[in-house]
Amino acid sequence: MNKMLILYGTETGNSELLAMDAEKIATAKGFDASINGMDEVSTDDLASCGNLLIICSTWGDGEQPDNAIELYDSSVELEDNYLQNVNFAVLALGDTAFDLFCEAGIQWDSILEQKGANRINERIDCDTDYDDYAEEWLEETILIFADKGV
């Protein structure tokens, strides 16, 4: 059975709720899906997961949420190609009222690619009315993961 690690970075809980939705979709598509806060895993977990789905909200003025800071900083320090065996996709949550809209998700998308991971779907940047867009993207993205068969 294909494994999928679903990580959420959140301050208010919205990313965690979407991660729970993603886990249900992934399980229905035959994945052995696990869900964790970003403060519950290490970069070794990222490197060994095979399939990685990140759902991360932006906090403050473009910052990572508290539970994502340490993992993000550790990821920046990784060697290039450390994540070469990982397929990934990023769902970013933000608020267009702020200048750095979805910045935390943008940073995750960029660092994962820099460290050699394979983007399987384009990042989606969601505003505060994200429900319909996020659900559609999750369904589409998890199907792409399933088609990759890893």
Protein backbone atom coordinates (compact mmCIF):
# COMPACT_ATOMS: atom_id res chain seq x y z
CA MET A 1 0.00 0.00 0.00
CA ASN A 2 1.29 3.46 -0.90
CA LYS A 3 2.15 5.70 2.02
CA MET A 4 1.29 9.37 2.28
CA LEU A 5 2.40 11.79 4.96
CA ILE A 6 0.00 14.70 5.40
CA LEU A 7 1.47 17.58 7.37
CA TYR A 8 -0.24 20.70 8.60
CA GLY A 9 1.13 24.00 9.78
CA THR A 10 -1.47 26.02 11.64
CA GLU A 11 -2.20 28.64 14.27
CA THR A 12 -6.00 28.61 14.19
CA GLY A 13 -6.77 25.03 13.15
CA ASN A 14 -7.89 25.56 9.54
CA SER A 15 -4.95 23.64 8.08
CA GLU A 16 -5.50 20.79 10.50
CA LEU A 17 -9.15 20.48 9.44
CA LEU A 18 -8.13 20.37 5.78
CA ALA A 19 -5.48 17.77 6.60
CA MET A 20 -8.21 15.60 8.15
CA ASP A 21 -10.23 15.94 4.94
CA ALA A 22 -7.15 15.03 2.90
CA GLU A 23 -6.55 11.95 5.04
CA LYS A 24 -10.10 10.72 4.35
CA ILE A 25 -9.67 11.26 0.60
CA ALA A 26 -6.25 9.57 0.56
CA THR A 27 -7.47 6.58 2.55
CA ALA A 28 -10.43 6.19 0.19
CA LYS A 29 -7.94 6.15 -2.73
CA GLY A 30 -5.98 3.30 -1.12
CA PHE A 31 -3.20 5.21 0.61
CA ASP A 32 -1.83 4.38 4.01
CA ALA A 33 -2.16 8.02 5.07
CA SER A 34 -0.88 9.51 8.29
CA ILE A 35 -1.51 13.02 9.50
CA ASN A 36 0.80 15.04 11.72
CA GLY A 37 1.43 18.56 12.83
CA MET A 38 4.71 19.86 11.48
CA ASP A 39 6.09 19.89 15.01
CA GLU A 40 5.60 16.11 15.26
CA VAL A 41 7.99 14.99 12.50
CA SER A 42 11.63 15.35 11.46
CA THR A 43 13.35 15.93 8.14
CA ASP A 44 14.17 12.18 8.13
CA ASP A 45 10.42 11.54 8.18
CA LEU A 46 10.07 13.82 5.16
CA ALA A 47 12.84 12.02 3.29
CA SER A 48 11.36 8.56 3.89
CA CYS A 49 7.65 9.24 3.35
CA GLY A 50 7.49 8.82 -0.44
CA ASN A 51 4.40 11.00 -0.80
CA LEU A 52 4.11 14.29 1.06
CA LEU A 53 1.14 16.61 1.20
CA ILE A 54 1.67 19.89 3.03
CA ILE A 55 -1.17 22.12 4.13
CA CYS A 56 0.19 25.29 5.69
CA SER A 57 -1.28 28.60 6.69
CA THR A 58 0.64 31.86 6.85
CA TRP A 59 0.82 33.68 10.13
CA GLY A 60 1.48 37.31 10.98
CA ASP A 61 3.43 39.14 8.30
CA GLY A 62 4.29 36.19 6.07
CA GLU A 63 5.67 33.89 8.78
CA GLN A 64 5.48 30.16 9.28
CA PRO A 65 2.94 29.16 11.94
CA ASP A 66 4.50 28.26 15.31
CA ASN A 67 4.22 24.52 14.78
CA ALA A 68 6.05 24.73 11.42
CA ILE A 69 9.04 26.95 12.23
CA GLU A 70 11.46 24.28 13.48
CA LEU A 71 10.78 21.81 10.65
CA TYR A 72 11.03 24.55 8.04
CA ASP A 73 14.34 25.80 9.46
CA SER A 74 15.68 22.22 9.52
CA SER A 75 14.55 21.69 5.92
CA VAL A 76 16.44 24.79 4.79
CA GLU A 77 19.63 23.23 6.20
CA LEU A 78 19.26 19.95 4.27
CA GLU A 79 21.66 19.03 1.50
CA ASP A 80 20.43 19.44 -2.07
CA ASN A 81 18.69 16.29 -3.33
CA TYR A 82 18.07 15.06 0.24
CA LEU A 83 14.37 14.80 -0.65
CA GLN A 84 14.84 13.39 -4.16
CA ASN A 85 12.68 10.33 -3.43
CA VAL A 86 9.69 12.39 -2.31
CA ASN A 87 6.66 13.39 -4.37
CA PHE A 88 4.98 16.46 -2.92
CA ALA A 89 2.22 19.01 -3.24
CA VAL A 90 1.46 22.12 -1.18
CA LEU A 91 -1.84 23.72 -0.26
CA ALA A 92 -1.24 27.23 1.12
CA LEU A 93 -3.75 29.15 3.22
CA GLY A 94 -3.63 32.89 3.63
CA ASP A 95 -5.55 36.14 3.65
CA THR A 96 -5.33 38.58 0.75
CA ALA A 97 -5.66 41.42 3.27
CA PHE A 98 -1.96 40.84 4.01
CA ASP A 99 0.93 41.75 1.70
CA LEU A 100 2.64 38.36 1.91
CA PHE A 101 -0.37 36.26 0.89
CA CYS A 102 0.26 32.52 1.45
CA GLU A 103 3.97 33.16 2.03
CA ALA A 104 4.50 30.16 4.35
CA GLY A 105 3.11 27.74 1.74
CA ILE A 106 5.13 29.44 -0.98
CA GLN A 107 8.27 28.93 1.12
CA TRP A 108 7.48 25.22 1.64
CA ASP A 109 6.85 24.71 -2.07
CA SER A 110 10.16 26.36 -2.89
CA ILE A 111 12.32 24.61 -0.29
CA LEU A 112 10.96 21.15 -1.11
CA GLU A 113 11.81 21.67 -4.77
CA GLN A 114 15.26 23.06 -3.88
CA LYS A 115 15.99 19.93 -1.84
CA GLY A 116 15.17 17.66 -4.77
CA ALA A 117 11.55 16.66 -4.13
CA ASN A 118 9.26 16.13 -7.12
CA ARG A 119 6.24 18.47 -7.31
CA ILE A 120 3.29 16.43 -8.56
CA ASN A 121 0.76 19.28 -8.70
CA GLU A 122 1.03 23.05 -8.70
CA ARG A 123 0.61 24.74 -5.34
CA ILE A 124 -2.79 26.25 -4.64
CA ASP A 125 -2.95 29.54 -2.74
CA CYS A 126 -6.26 29.84 -0.92
CA ASP A 127 -7.84 32.94 0.59
CA THR A 128 -10.14 32.88 3.61
CA ASP A 129 -13.04 31.45 1.54
CA TYR A 130 -11.04 28.35 0.64
CA ASP A 131 -13.49 25.50 1.23
CA ASP A 132 -14.61 24.63 -2.30
CA TYR A 133 -11.27 25.34 -3.96
CA ALA A 134 -9.29 23.39 -1.39
CA GLU A 135 -11.55 20.31 -1.55
CA GLU A 136 -11.40 20.23 -5.34
CA TRP A 137 -7.62 20.62 -5.32
CA LEU A 138 -7.20 17.88 -2.69
CA GLU A 139 -9.28 15.43 -4.73
CA GLU A 140 -7.34 16.25 -7.91
CA THR A 141 -3.94 16.12 -6.21
CA ILE A 142 -4.51 12.84 -4.41
CA LEU A 143 -5.61 11.31 -7.73
CA ILE A 144 -2.32 12.46 -9.25
CA PHE A 145 -0.43 10.87 -6.36
CA ALA A 146 -2.39 7.64 -6.94
CA ASP A 147 -1.60 7.73 -10.68
CA LYS A 148 2.11 8.06 -9.88
CA GLY A 149 1.81 4.83 -7.93
CA VAL A 150 4.66 5.36 -5.52
